[in-house]
Amino acid sequence: AAGLQISNRLTRQIKGLSVAVKNANDGISIAQTAEGAMQESTSILQRMRELALQSANGSNSEDDRTSLQQEFTALSGELNRIASTTTFGGRNLLDGSFGSTAFQVGASANETISVQHERR
């Protein structure tokens, strides 16, 4: 009876740890998804800065400025699209609505990692 009890306890711990590993991997995936979107957003913002500086050049024609503005506007739309469509598990990661979540990453109830996204 004691051997069966020990076996059952160890089996429960193993199953709990397996779920904890999956939860930790979900947390990593959320971070990777957000990071990829932020890297793309950074590239877009850098290009928008280049366009703004290029547009400030006094030698540009009206057609040049119009073309630069069109690209800038398209990039702004892409930036908004990234912010509104970057999701994980049905939750938006970049629009400020994510709030916080906790991941159970161990076999014990107090073994959690919290992730918070604050709108600034």
PDB file of N, CA and C in Angstrom:
ATOM      1  N   ALA A   1       0.829  -1.196   0.000  1.00  0.00           N
ATOM      2  CA  ALA A   1       0.000   0.000   0.000  1.00  0.00           C
ATOM      3  C   ALA A   1       0.866   1.250   0.000  1.00  0.00           C
ATOM      4  N   ALA A   2       1.954   1.231   0.786  1.00  0.00           N
ATOM      5  CA  ALA A   2       2.834   2.400   0.846  1.00  0.00           C
ATOM      6  C   ALA A   2       3.506   2.636  -0.500  1.00  0.00           C
ATOM      7  N   GLY A   3       3.900   1.558  -1.156  1.00  0.00           N
ATOM      8  CA  GLY A   3       4.537   1.688  -2.468  1.00  0.00           C
ATOM      9  C   GLY A   3       3.593   2.282  -3.498  1.00  0.00           C
ATOM     10  N   LEU A   4       2.339   1.873  -3.470  1.00  0.00           N
ATOM     11  CA  LEU A   4       1.335   2.407  -4.396  1.00  0.00           C
ATOM     12  C   LEU A   4       1.093   3.883  -4.122  1.00  0.00           C
ATOM     13  N   GLN A   5       1.054   4.242  -2.860  1.00  0.00           N
ATOM     14  CA  GLN A   5       0.836   5.636  -2.484  1.00  0.00           C
ATOM     15  C   GLN A   5       1.993   6.510  -2.975  1.00  0.00           C
ATOM     16  N   ILE A   6       3.205   6.055  -2.803  1.00  0.00           N
ATOM     17  CA  ILE A   6       4.385   6.789  -3.278  1.00  0.00           C
ATOM     18  C   ILE A   6       4.354   6.896  -4.797  1.00  0.00           C
ATOM     19  N   SER A   7       4.013   5.808  -5.457  1.00  0.00           N
ATOM     20  CA  SER A   7       3.927   5.803  -6.915  1.00  0.00           C
ATOM     21  C   SER A   7       2.887   6.807  -7.408  1.00  0.00           C
ATOM     22  N   ASN A   8       1.723   6.832  -6.778  1.00  0.00           N
ATOM     23  CA  ASN A   8       0.667   7.775  -7.169  1.00  0.00           C
ATOM     24  C   ASN A   8       1.104   9.224  -6.962  1.00  0.00           C
ATOM     25  N   ARG A   9       1.790   9.488  -5.842  1.00  0.00           N
ATOM     26  CA  ARG A   9       2.265  10.844  -5.565  1.00  0.00           C
ATOM     27  C   ARG A   9       3.280  11.277  -6.611  1.00  0.00           C
ATOM     28  N   LEU A  10       4.207  10.403  -6.950  1.00  0.00           N
ATOM     29  CA  LEU A  10       5.216  10.731  -7.959  1.00  0.00           C
ATOM     30  C   LEU A  10       4.581  10.922  -9.332  1.00  0.00           C
ATOM     31  N   THR A  11       3.588  10.101  -9.654  1.00  0.00           N
ATOM     32  CA  THR A  11       2.886  10.246 -10.930  1.00  0.00           C
ATOM     33  C   THR A  11       2.195  11.605 -11.001  1.00  0.00           C
ATOM     34  N   ARG A  12       1.542  12.022  -9.911  1.00  0.00           N
ATOM     35  CA  ARG A  12       0.889  13.334  -9.878  1.00  0.00           C
ATOM     36  C   ARG A  12       1.911  14.447 -10.055  1.00  0.00           C
ATOM     37  N   GLN A  13       3.056  14.322  -9.406  1.00  0.00           N
ATOM     38  CA  GLN A  13       4.099  15.344  -9.534  1.00  0.00           C
ATOM     39  C   GLN A  13       4.612  15.421 -10.967  1.00  0.00           C
ATOM     40  N   ILE A  14       4.829  14.281 -11.580  1.00  0.00           N
ATOM     41  CA  ILE A  14       5.318  14.250 -12.966  1.00  0.00           C
ATOM     42  C   ILE A  14       4.305  14.901 -13.896  1.00  0.00           C
ATOM     43  N   LYS A  15       3.029  14.561 -13.729  1.00  0.00           N
ATOM     44  CA  LYS A  15       1.993  15.163 -14.574  1.00  0.00           C
ATOM     45  C   LYS A  15       1.911  16.668 -14.347  1.00  0.00           C
ATOM     46  N   GLY A  16       2.025  17.085 -13.088  1.00  0.00           N
ATOM     47  CA  GLY A  16       2.005  18.513 -12.774  1.00  0.00           C
ATOM     48  C   GLY A  16       3.177  19.243 -13.400  1.00  0.00           C
ATOM     49  N   LEU A  17       4.350  18.628 -13.359  1.00  0.00           N
ATOM     50  CA  LEU A  17       5.529  19.247 -13.966  1.00  0.00           C
ATOM     51  C   LEU A  17       5.421  19.292 -15.483  1.00  0.00           C
ATOM     52  N   SER A  18       4.799  18.288 -16.079  1.00  0.00           N
ATOM     53  CA  SER A  18       4.597  18.294 -17.533  1.00  0.00           C
ATOM     54  C   SER A  18       3.711  19.462 -17.946  1.00  0.00           C
ATOM     55  N   VAL A  19       2.661  19.699 -17.187  1.00  0.00           N
ATOM     56  CA  VAL A  19       1.782  20.842 -17.465  1.00  0.00           C
ATOM     57  C   VAL A  19       2.532  22.147 -17.225  1.00  0.00           C
ATOM     58  N   ALA A  20       3.343  22.194 -16.179  1.00  0.00           N
ATOM     59  CA  ALA A  20       4.116  23.397 -15.882  1.00  0.00           C
ATOM     60  C   ALA A  20       5.081  23.727 -17.019  1.00  0.00           C
ATOM     61  N   VAL A  21       5.699  22.718 -17.605  1.00  0.00           N
ATOM     62  CA  VAL A  21       6.599  22.935 -18.743  1.00  0.00           C
ATOM     63  C   VAL A  21       5.822  23.514 -19.917  1.00  0.00           C
ATOM     64  N   LYS A  22       4.641  22.979 -20.192  1.00  0.00           N
ATOM     65  CA  LYS A  22       3.805  23.510 -21.273  1.00  0.00           C
ATOM     66  C   LYS A  22       3.440  24.965 -20.989  1.00  0.00           C
ATOM     67  N   ASN A  23       3.075  25.266 -19.742  1.00  0.00           N
ATOM     68  CA  ASN A  23       2.736  26.638 -19.374  1.00  0.00           C
ATOM     69  C   ASN A  23       3.923  27.576 -19.569  1.00  0.00           C
ATOM     70  N   ALA A  24       5.104  27.136 -19.156  1.00  0.00           N
ATOM     71  CA  ALA A  24       6.306  27.957 -19.332  1.00  0.00           C
ATOM     72  C   ALA A  24       6.579  28.184 -20.813  1.00  0.00           C
ATOM     73  N   ASN A  25       6.391  27.160 -21.627  1.00  0.00           N
ATOM     74  CA  ASN A  25       6.584  27.311 -23.073  1.00  0.00           C
ATOM     75  C   ASN A  25       5.578  28.283 -23.670  1.00  0.00           C
ATOM     76  N   ASP A  26       4.346  28.287 -23.158  1.00  0.00           N
ATOM     77  CA  ASP A  26       3.362  29.273 -23.613  1.00  0.00           C
ATOM     78  C   ASP A  26       3.836  30.686 -23.282  1.00  0.00           C
ATOM     79  N   GLY A  27       4.377  30.872 -22.090  1.00  0.00           N
ATOM     80  CA  GLY A  27       4.911  32.179 -21.706  1.00  0.00           C
ATOM     81  C   GLY A  27       6.042  32.617 -22.614  1.00  0.00           C
ATOM     82  N   ILE A  28       6.911  31.692 -22.955  1.00  0.00           N
ATOM     83  CA  ILE A  28       8.011  31.991 -23.879  1.00  0.00           C
ATOM     84  C   ILE A  28       7.456  32.355 -25.249  1.00  0.00           C
ATOM     85  N   SER A  29       6.459  31.627 -25.700  1.00  0.00           N
ATOM     86  CA  SER A  29       5.858  31.910 -27.008  1.00  0.00           C
ATOM     87  C   SER A  29       5.213  33.289 -27.042  1.00  0.00           C
ATOM     88  N   ILE A  30       4.562  33.680 -25.961  1.00  0.00           N
ATOM     89  CA  ILE A  30       3.974  35.022 -25.893  1.00  0.00           C
ATOM     90  C   ILE A  30       5.070  36.074 -26.032  1.00  0.00           C
ATOM     91  N   ALA A  31       6.150  35.896 -25.286  1.00  0.00           N
ATOM     92  CA  ALA A  31       7.257  36.854 -25.340  1.00  0.00           C
ATOM     93  C   ALA A  31       7.871  36.905 -26.737  1.00  0.00           C
ATOM     94  N   GLN A  32       8.039  35.757 -27.374  1.00  0.00           N
ATOM     95  CA  GLN A  32       8.620  35.720 -28.717  1.00  0.00           C
ATOM     96  C   GLN A  32       7.703  36.377 -29.739  1.00  0.00           C
ATOM     97  N   THR A  33       6.397  36.159 -29.604  1.00  0.00           N
ATOM     98  CA  THR A  33       5.439  36.776 -30.518  1.00  0.00           C
ATOM     99  C   THR A  33       5.486  38.296 -30.386  1.00  0.00           C
ATOM    100  N   ALA A  34       5.460  38.779 -29.152  1.00  0.00           N
ATOM    101  CA  ALA A  34       5.514  40.222 -28.922  1.00  0.00           C
ATOM    102  C   ALA A  34       6.845  40.802 -29.399  1.00  0.00           C
ATOM    103  N   GLU A  35       7.933  40.082 -29.146  1.00  0.00           N
ATOM    104  CA  GLU A  35       9.254  40.565 -29.559  1.00  0.00           C
ATOM    105  C   GLU A  35       9.344  40.694 -31.077  1.00  0.00           C
ATOM    106  N   GLY A  36       8.836  39.706 -31.800  1.00  0.00           N
ATOM    107  CA  GLY A  36       8.863  39.773 -33.261  1.00  0.00           C
ATOM    108  C   GLY A  36       8.087  40.966 -33.783  1.00  0.00           C
ATOM    109  N   ALA A  37       6.925  41.212 -33.206  1.00  0.00           N
ATOM    110  CA  ALA A  37       6.113  42.354 -33.622  1.00  0.00           C
ATOM    111  C   ALA A  37       6.808  43.670 -33.277  1.00  0.00           C
ATOM    112  N   MET A  38       7.464  43.717 -32.132  1.00  0.00           N
ATOM    113  CA  MET A  38       8.167  44.939 -31.741  1.00  0.00           C
ATOM    114  C   MET A  38       9.385  45.194 -32.627  1.00  0.00           C
ATOM    115  N   GLN A  39      10.071  44.139 -33.037  1.00  0.00           N
ATOM    116  CA  GLN A  39      11.203  44.310 -33.951  1.00  0.00           C
ATOM    117  C   GLN A  39      10.731  44.876 -35.281  1.00  0.00           C
ATOM    118  N   GLU A  40       9.624  44.353 -35.795  1.00  0.00           N
ATOM    119  CA  GLU A  40       9.069  44.858 -37.048  1.00  0.00           C
ATOM    120  C   GLU A  40       8.617  46.306 -36.877  1.00  0.00           C
ATOM    121  N   SER A  41       8.006  46.613 -35.750  1.00  0.00           N
ATOM    122  CA  SER A  41       7.561  47.983 -35.475  1.00  0.00           C
ATOM    123  C   SER A  41       8.752  48.936 -35.409  1.00  0.00           C
ATOM    124  N   THR A  42       9.840  48.491 -34.814  1.00  0.00           N
ATOM    125  CA  THR A  42      11.041  49.319 -34.733  1.00  0.00           C
ATOM    126  C   THR A  42      11.587  49.615 -36.122  1.00  0.00           C
ATOM    127  N   SER A  43      11.604  48.618 -36.993  1.00  0.00           N
ATOM    128  CA  SER A  43      12.064  48.828 -38.372  1.00  0.00           C
ATOM    129  C   SER A  43      11.180  49.841 -39.089  1.00  0.00           C
ATOM    130  N   ILE A  44       9.882  49.727 -38.886  1.00  0.00           N
ATOM    131  CA  ILE A  44       8.948  50.664 -39.517  1.00  0.00           C
ATOM    132  C   ILE A  44       9.184  52.079 -38.994  1.00  0.00           C
ATOM    133  N   LEU A  45       9.342  52.219 -37.693  1.00  0.00           N
ATOM    134  CA  LEU A  45       9.575  53.546 -37.115  1.00  0.00           C
ATOM    135  C   LEU A  45      10.887  54.154 -37.603  1.00  0.00           C
ATOM    136  N   GLN A  46      11.910  53.328 -37.775  1.00  0.00           N
ATOM    137  CA  GLN A  46      13.176  53.836 -38.304  1.00  0.00           C
ATOM    138  C   GLN A  46      12.999  54.334 -39.735  1.00  0.00           C
ATOM    139  N   ARG A  47      12.243  53.588 -40.534  1.00  0.00           N
ATOM    140  CA  ARG A  47      11.986  54.020 -41.913  1.00  0.00           C
ATOM    141  C   ARG A  47      11.154  55.305 -41.927  1.00  0.00           C
ATOM    142  N   MET A  48      10.190  55.414 -41.032  1.00  0.00           N
ATOM    143  CA  MET A  48       9.378  56.631 -40.956  1.00  0.00           C
ATOM    144  C   MET A  48      10.243  57.837 -40.590  1.00  0.00           C
ATOM    145  N   ARG A  49      11.207  57.630 -39.714  1.00  0.00           N
ATOM    146  CA  ARG A  49      12.129  58.715 -39.358  1.00  0.00           C
ATOM    147  C   ARG A  49      12.962  59.126 -40.567  1.00  0.00           C
ATOM    148  N   GLU A  50      13.452  58.142 -41.315  1.00  0.00           N
ATOM    149  CA  GLU A  50      14.214  58.441 -42.532  1.00  0.00           C
ATOM    150  C   GLU A  50      13.376  59.260 -43.506  1.00  0.00           C
ATOM    151  N   LEU A  51      12.124  58.867 -43.675  1.00  0.00           N
ATOM    152  CA  LEU A  51      11.240  59.588 -44.596  1.00  0.00           C
ATOM    153  C   LEU A  51      10.999  61.020 -44.129  1.00  0.00           C
ATOM    154  N   ALA A  52      10.825  61.208 -42.826  1.00  0.00           N
ATOM    155  CA  ALA A  52      10.607  62.550 -42.289  1.00  0.00           C
ATOM    156  C   ALA A  52      11.833  63.430 -42.530  1.00  0.00           C
ATOM    157  N   LEU A  53      13.011  62.873 -42.304  1.00  0.00           N
ATOM    158  CA  LEU A  53      14.240  63.635 -42.548  1.00  0.00           C
ATOM    159  C   LEU A  53      14.416  63.936 -44.029  1.00  0.00           C
ATOM    160  N   GLN A  54      14.128  62.959 -44.865  1.00  0.00           N
ATOM    161  CA  GLN A  54      14.246  63.147 -46.309  1.00  0.00           C
ATOM    162  C   GLN A  54      13.250  64.199 -46.788  1.00  0.00           C
ATOM    163  N   SER A  55      12.073  64.204 -46.222  1.00  0.00           N
ATOM    164  CA  SER A  55      11.041  65.152 -46.619  1.00  0.00           C
ATOM    165  C   SER A  55      11.408  66.582 -46.229  1.00  0.00           C
ATOM    166  N   ALA A  56      12.207  66.731 -45.180  1.00  0.00           N
ATOM    167  CA  ALA A  56      12.603  68.062 -44.717  1.00  0.00           C
ATOM    168  C   ALA A  56      13.614  68.723 -45.644  1.00  0.00           C
ATOM    169  N   ASN A  57      14.153  67.973 -46.582  1.00  0.00           N
ATOM    170  CA  ASN A  57      15.123  68.506 -47.533  1.00  0.00           C
ATOM    171  C   ASN A  57      14.427  69.510 -48.450  1.00  0.00           C
ATOM    172  N   GLY A  58      14.944  70.700 -48.498  1.00  0.00           N
ATOM    173  CA  GLY A  58      14.336  71.764 -49.293  1.00  0.00           C
ATOM    174  C   GLY A  58      14.399  71.553 -50.788  1.00  0.00           C
ATOM    175  N   SER A  59      15.183  70.602 -51.256  1.00  0.00           N
ATOM    176  CA  SER A  59      15.309  70.399 -52.705  1.00  0.00           C
ATOM    177  C   SER A  59      14.254  69.450 -53.266  1.00  0.00           C
ATOM    178  N   ASN A  60      13.374  68.909 -52.415  1.00  0.00           N
ATOM    179  CA  ASN A  60      12.336  67.992 -52.895  1.00  0.00           C
ATOM    180  C   ASN A  60      11.257  68.747 -53.656  1.00  0.00           C
ATOM    181  N   SER A  61      10.802  68.130 -54.722  1.00  0.00           N
ATOM    182  CA  SER A  61       9.672  68.700 -55.460  1.00  0.00           C
ATOM    183  C   SER A  61       8.376  68.347 -54.730  1.00  0.00           C
ATOM    184  N   GLU A  62       7.284  68.934 -55.162  1.00  0.00           N
ATOM    185  CA  GLU A  62       5.977  68.615 -54.574  1.00  0.00           C
ATOM    186  C   GLU A  62       5.649  67.142 -54.783  1.00  0.00           C
ATOM    187  N   ASP A  63       5.986  66.611 -55.959  1.00  0.00           N
ATOM    188  CA  ASP A  63       5.755  65.190 -56.236  1.00  0.00           C
ATOM    189  C   ASP A  63       6.587  64.304 -55.307  1.00  0.00           C
ATOM    190  N   ASP A  64       7.829  64.723 -55.049  1.00  0.00           N
ATOM    191  CA  ASP A  64       8.686  63.968 -54.131  1.00  0.00           C
ATOM    192  C   ASP A  64       8.063  63.916 -52.735  1.00  0.00           C
ATOM    193  N   ARG A  65       7.626  65.086 -52.256  1.00  0.00           N
ATOM    194  CA  ARG A  65       7.028  65.144 -50.925  1.00  0.00           C
ATOM    195  C   ARG A  65       5.739  64.323 -50.854  1.00  0.00           C
ATOM    196  N   THR A  66       4.956  64.368 -51.908  1.00  0.00           N
ATOM    197  CA  THR A  66       3.717  63.580 -51.954  1.00  0.00           C
ATOM    198  C   THR A  66       4.034  62.094 -51.876  1.00  0.00           C
ATOM    199  N   SER A  67       5.042  61.677 -52.621  1.00  0.00           N
ATOM    200  CA  SER A  67       5.448  60.274 -52.616  1.00  0.00           C
ATOM    201  C   SER A  67       5.951  59.855 -51.232  1.00  0.00           C
ATOM    202  N   LEU A  68       6.767  60.709 -50.623  1.00  0.00           N
ATOM    203  CA  LEU A  68       7.276  60.425 -49.282  1.00  0.00           C
ATOM    204  C   LEU A  68       6.126  60.337 -48.274  1.00  0.00           C
ATOM    205  N   GLN A  69       5.155  61.246 -48.401  1.00  0.00           N
ATOM    206  CA  GLN A  69       4.012  61.239 -47.487  1.00  0.00           C
ATOM    207  C   GLN A  69       3.169  59.981 -47.664  1.00  0.00           C
ATOM    208  N   GLN A  70       3.017  59.539 -48.898  1.00  0.00           N
ATOM    209  CA  GLN A  70       2.236  58.322 -49.150  1.00  0.00           C
ATOM    210  C   GLN A  70       2.894  57.107 -48.495  1.00  0.00           C
ATOM    211  N   GLU A  71       4.221  57.014 -48.626  1.00  0.00           N
ATOM    212  CA  GLU A  71       4.916  55.898 -47.989  1.00  0.00           C
ATOM    213  C   GLU A  71       4.810  55.997 -46.466  1.00  0.00           C
ATOM    214  N   PHE A  72       4.949  57.214 -45.941  1.00  0.00           N
ATOM    215  CA  PHE A  72       4.847  57.427 -44.498  1.00  0.00           C
ATOM    216  C   PHE A  72       3.466  57.002 -43.990  1.00  0.00           C
ATOM    217  N   THR A  73       2.434  57.387 -44.711  1.00  0.00           N
ATOM    218  CA  THR A  73       1.060  57.039 -44.327  1.00  0.00           C
ATOM    219  C   THR A  73       0.843  55.530 -44.373  1.00  0.00           C
ATOM    220  N   ALA A  74       1.378  54.880 -45.409  1.00  0.00           N
ATOM    221  CA  ALA A  74       1.251  53.423 -45.517  1.00  0.00           C
ATOM    222  C   ALA A  74       1.962  52.731 -44.354  1.00  0.00           C
ATOM    223  N   LEU A  75       3.137  53.227 -43.995  1.00  0.00           N
ATOM    224  CA  LEU A  75       3.874  52.645 -42.868  1.00  0.00           C
ATOM    225  C   LEU A  75       3.134  52.860 -41.548  1.00  0.00           C
ATOM    226  N   SER A  76       2.522  54.014 -41.400  1.00  0.00           N
ATOM    227  CA  SER A  76       1.732  54.281 -40.201  1.00  0.00           C
ATOM    228  C   SER A  76       0.570  53.293 -40.090  1.00  0.00           C
ATOM    229  N   GLY A  77      -0.074  53.017 -41.206  1.00  0.00           N
ATOM    230  CA  GLY A  77      -1.150  52.028 -41.222  1.00  0.00           C
ATOM    231  C   GLY A  77      -0.650  50.639 -40.862  1.00  0.00           C
ATOM    232  N   GLU A  78       0.525  50.289 -41.362  1.00  0.00           N
ATOM    233  CA  GLU A  78       1.114  48.984 -41.052  1.00  0.00           C
ATOM    234  C   GLU A  78       1.454  48.886 -39.566  1.00  0.00           C
ATOM    235  N   LEU A  79       1.951  49.962 -39.006  1.00  0.00           N
ATOM    236  CA  LEU A  79       2.258  49.999 -37.576  1.00  0.00           C
ATOM    237  C   LEU A  79       0.990  49.771 -36.750  1.00  0.00           C
ATOM    238  N   ASN A  80      -0.090  50.421 -37.122  1.00  0.00           N
ATOM    239  CA  ASN A  80      -1.368  50.224 -36.428  1.00  0.00           C
ATOM    240  C   ASN A  80      -1.887  48.802 -36.611  1.00  0.00           C
ATOM    241  N   ARG A  81      -1.696  48.237 -37.803  1.00  0.00           N
ATOM    242  CA  ARG A  81      -2.143  46.872 -38.059  1.00  0.00           C
ATOM    243  C   ARG A  81      -1.392  45.886 -37.167  1.00  0.00           C
ATOM    244  N   ILE A  82      -0.090  46.065 -37.054  1.00  0.00           N
ATOM    245  CA  ILE A  82       0.715  45.188 -36.196  1.00  0.00           C
ATOM    246  C   ILE A  82       0.226  45.270 -34.752  1.00  0.00           C
ATOM    247  N   ALA A  83      -0.013  46.485 -34.274  1.00  0.00           N
ATOM    248  CA  ALA A  83      -0.466  46.663 -32.890  1.00  0.00           C
ATOM    249  C   ALA A  83      -1.827  46.026 -32.649  1.00  0.00           C
ATOM    250  N   SER A  84      -2.692  46.071 -33.648  1.00  0.00           N
ATOM    251  CA  SER A  84      -4.051  45.561 -33.431  1.00  0.00           C
ATOM    252  C   SER A  84      -4.205  44.073 -33.730  1.00  0.00           C
ATOM    253  N   THR A  85      -3.238  43.469 -34.408  1.00  0.00           N
ATOM    254  CA  THR A  85      -3.394  42.058 -34.786  1.00  0.00           C
ATOM    255  C   THR A  85      -2.388  41.114 -34.139  1.00  0.00           C
ATOM    256  N   THR A  86      -1.474  41.626 -33.338  1.00  0.00           N
ATOM    257  CA  THR A  86      -0.506  40.755 -32.671  1.00  0.00           C
ATOM    258  C   THR A  86      -1.186  40.121 -31.459  1.00  0.00           C
ATOM    259  N   THR A  87      -1.527  38.849 -31.604  1.00  0.00           N
ATOM    260  CA  THR A  87      -2.275  38.161 -30.554  1.00  0.00           C
ATOM    261  C   THR A  87      -1.631  36.824 -30.210  1.00  0.00           C
ATOM    262  N   PHE A  88      -1.996  36.337 -29.039  1.00  0.00           N
ATOM    263  CA  PHE A  88      -1.626  34.989 -28.623  1.00  0.00           C
ATOM    264  C   PHE A  88      -2.779  34.450 -27.801  1.00  0.00           C
ATOM    265  N   GLY A  89      -3.288  33.325 -28.190  1.00  0.00           N
ATOM    266  CA  GLY A  89      -4.408  32.727 -27.470  1.00  0.00           C
ATOM    267  C   GLY A  89      -5.641  33.610 -27.449  1.00  0.00           C
ATOM    268  N   GLY A  90      -5.822  34.388 -28.517  1.00  0.00           N
ATOM    269  CA  GLY A  90      -6.979  35.261 -28.600  1.00  0.00           C
ATOM    270  C   GLY A  90      -6.842  36.571 -27.848  1.00  0.00           C
ATOM    271  N   ARG A  91      -5.708  36.795 -27.212  1.00  0.00           N
ATOM    272  CA  ARG A  91      -5.486  38.039 -26.463  1.00  0.00           C
ATOM    273  C   ARG A  91      -4.498  38.916 -27.209  1.00  0.00           C
ATOM    274  N   ASN A  92      -4.869  40.183 -27.368  1.00  0.00           N
ATOM    275  CA  ASN A  92      -3.989  41.119 -28.045  1.00  0.00           C
ATOM    276  C   ASN A  92      -2.811  41.450 -27.134  1.00  0.00           C
ATOM    277  N   LEU A  93      -1.614  41.445 -27.715  1.00  0.00           N
ATOM    278  CA  LEU A  93      -0.404  41.659 -26.919  1.00  0.00           C
ATOM    279  C   LEU A  93       0.078  43.104 -26.912  1.00  0.00           C
ATOM    280  N   LEU A  94      -0.300  43.896 -27.923  1.00  0.00           N
ATOM    281  CA  LEU A  94       0.322  45.209 -28.068  1.00  0.00           C
ATOM    282  C   LEU A  94      -0.630  46.391 -28.035  1.00  0.00           C
ATOM    283  N   ASP A  95      -1.918  46.164 -27.903  1.00  0.00           N
ATOM    284  CA  ASP A  95      -2.839  47.302 -27.930  1.00  0.00           C
ATOM    285  C   ASP A  95      -3.152  47.854 -26.545  1.00  0.00           C
ATOM    286  N   GLY A  96      -2.482  47.346 -25.509  1.00  0.00           N
ATOM    287  CA  GLY A  96      -2.690  47.831 -24.158  1.00  0.00           C
ATOM    288  C   GLY A  96      -3.760  47.092 -23.384  1.00  0.00           C
ATOM    289  N   SER A  97      -4.439  46.150 -24.019  1.00  0.00           N
ATOM    290  CA  SER A  97      -5.533  45.443 -23.348  1.00  0.00           C
ATOM    291  C   SER A  97      -5.085  44.140 -22.677  1.00  0.00           C
ATOM    292  N   PHE A  98      -3.851  43.739 -22.873  1.00  0.00           N
ATOM    293  CA  PHE A  98      -3.381  42.455 -22.345  1.00  0.00           C
ATOM    294  C   PHE A  98      -3.467  42.391 -20.831  1.00  0.00           C
ATOM    295  N   GLY A  99      -3.131  43.466 -20.171  1.00  0.00           N
ATOM    296  CA  GLY A  99      -3.166  43.465 -18.706  1.00  0.00           C
ATOM    297  C   GLY A  99      -2.054  42.607 -18.147  1.00  0.00           C
ATOM    298  N   SER A 100      -2.427  41.618 -17.345  1.00  0.00           N
ATOM    299  CA  SER A 100      -1.420  40.729 -16.775  1.00  0.00           C
ATOM    300  C   SER A 100      -1.954  39.306 -16.759  1.00  0.00           C
ATOM    301  N   THR A 101      -1.028  38.383 -16.671  1.00  0.00           N
ATOM    302  CA  THR A 101      -1.395  36.975 -16.571  1.00  0.00           C
ATOM    303  C   THR A 101      -0.299  36.256 -15.804  1.00  0.00           C
ATOM    304  N   ALA A 102      -0.664  35.178 -15.167  1.00  0.00           N
ATOM    305  CA  ALA A 102       0.304  34.384 -14.408  1.00  0.00           C
ATOM    306  C   ALA A 102       0.396  33.001 -15.030  1.00  0.00           C
ATOM    307  N   PHE A 103       1.602  32.484 -15.082  1.00  0.00           N
ATOM    308  CA  PHE A 103       1.850  31.150 -15.620  1.00  0.00           C
ATOM    309  C   PHE A 103       2.301  30.244 -14.488  1.00  0.00           C
ATOM    310  N   GLN A 104       1.636  29.134 -14.340  1.00  0.00           N
ATOM    311  CA  GLN A 104       2.025  28.126 -13.356  1.00  0.00           C
ATOM    312  C   GLN A 104       3.199  27.363 -13.949  1.00  0.00           C
ATOM    313  N   VAL A 105       4.389  27.539 -13.376  1.00  0.00           N
ATOM    314  CA  VAL A 105       5.590  26.952 -13.964  1.00  0.00           C
ATOM    315  C   VAL A 105       6.259  25.924 -13.064  1.00  0.00           C
ATOM    316  N   GLY A 106       5.571  25.511 -12.035  1.00  0.00           N
ATOM    317  CA  GLY A 106       6.106  24.491 -11.148  1.00  0.00           C
ATOM    318  C   GLY A 106       4.991  23.621 -10.611  1.00  0.00           C
ATOM    319  N   ALA A 107       5.366  22.626  -9.842  1.00  0.00           N
ATOM    320  CA  ALA A 107       4.379  21.695  -9.301  1.00  0.00           C
ATOM    321  C   ALA A 107       3.621  22.286  -8.121  1.00  0.00           C
ATOM    322  N   SER A 108       4.194  23.279  -7.452  1.00  0.00           N
ATOM    323  CA  SER A 108       3.552  23.896  -6.288  1.00  0.00           C
ATOM    324  C   SER A 108       2.760  25.129  -6.698  1.00  0.00           C
ATOM    325  N   ALA A 109       1.739  25.448  -5.923  1.00  0.00           N
ATOM    326  CA  ALA A 109       0.846  26.564  -6.244  1.00  0.00           C
ATOM    327  C   ALA A 109       1.568  27.903  -6.315  1.00  0.00           C
ATOM    328  N   ASN A 110       2.622  28.085  -5.546  1.00  0.00           N
ATOM    329  CA  ASN A 110       3.325  29.366  -5.518  1.00  0.00           C
ATOM    330  C   ASN A 110       4.414  29.487  -6.583  1.00  0.00           C
ATOM    331  N   GLU A 111       4.546  28.524  -7.441  1.00  0.00           N
ATOM    332  CA  GLU A 111       5.575  28.566  -8.487  1.00  0.00           C
ATOM    333  C   GLU A 111       4.969  29.125  -9.768  1.00  0.00           C
ATOM    334  N   THR A 112       4.824  30.459  -9.778  1.00  0.00           N
ATOM    335  CA  THR A 112       4.237  31.140 -10.929  1.00  0.00           C
ATOM    336  C   THR A 112       5.159  32.248 -11.404  1.00  0.00           C
ATOM    337  N   ILE A 113       4.965  32.623 -12.641  1.00  0.00           N
ATOM    338  CA  ILE A 113       5.628  33.788 -13.222  1.00  0.00           C
ATOM    339  C   ILE A 113       4.520  34.677 -13.758  1.00  0.00           C
ATOM    340  N   SER A 114       4.570  35.959 -13.392  1.00  0.00           N
ATOM    341  CA  SER A 114       3.560  36.904 -13.859  1.00  0.00           C
ATOM    342  C   SER A 114       4.125  37.757 -14.983  1.00  0.00           C
ATOM    343  N   VAL A 115       3.277  38.036 -15.962  1.00  0.00           N
ATOM    344  CA  VAL A 115       3.626  38.914 -17.078  1.00  0.00           C
ATOM    345  C   VAL A 115       2.622  40.048 -17.069  1.00  0.00           C
ATOM    346  N   GLN A 116       3.135  41.283 -17.096  1.00  0.00           N
ATOM    347  CA  GLN A 116       2.258  42.451 -17.122  1.00  0.00           C
ATOM    348  C   GLN A 116       2.599  43.314 -18.313  1.00  0.00           C
ATOM    349  N   HIS A 117       1.569  43.876 -18.907  1.00  0.00           N
ATOM    350  CA  HIS A 117       1.750  44.848 -19.978  1.00  0.00           C
ATOM    351  C   HIS A 117       1.000  46.091 -19.558  1.00  0.00           C
ATOM    352  N   GLU A 118       1.733  47.154 -19.340  1.00  0.00           N
ATOM    353  CA  GLU A 118       1.110  48.401 -18.919  1.00  0.00           C
ATOM    354  C   GLU A 118       1.094  49.368 -20.080  1.00  0.00           C
ATOM    355  N   ARG A 119      -0.010  50.025 -20.236  1.00  0.00           N
ATOM    356  CA  ARG A 119      -0.150  51.037 -21.288  1.00  0.00           C
ATOM    357  C   ARG A 119       0.488  52.322 -20.781  1.00  0.00           C
ATOM    358  N   ARG A 120       1.346  52.900 -21.589  1.00  0.00           N
ATOM    359  CA  ARG A 120       2.006  54.155 -21.198  1.00  0.00           C
ATOM    360  C   ARG A 120       1.739  55.215 -22.217  1.00  0.00           C
TER     361      ARG A 120
END
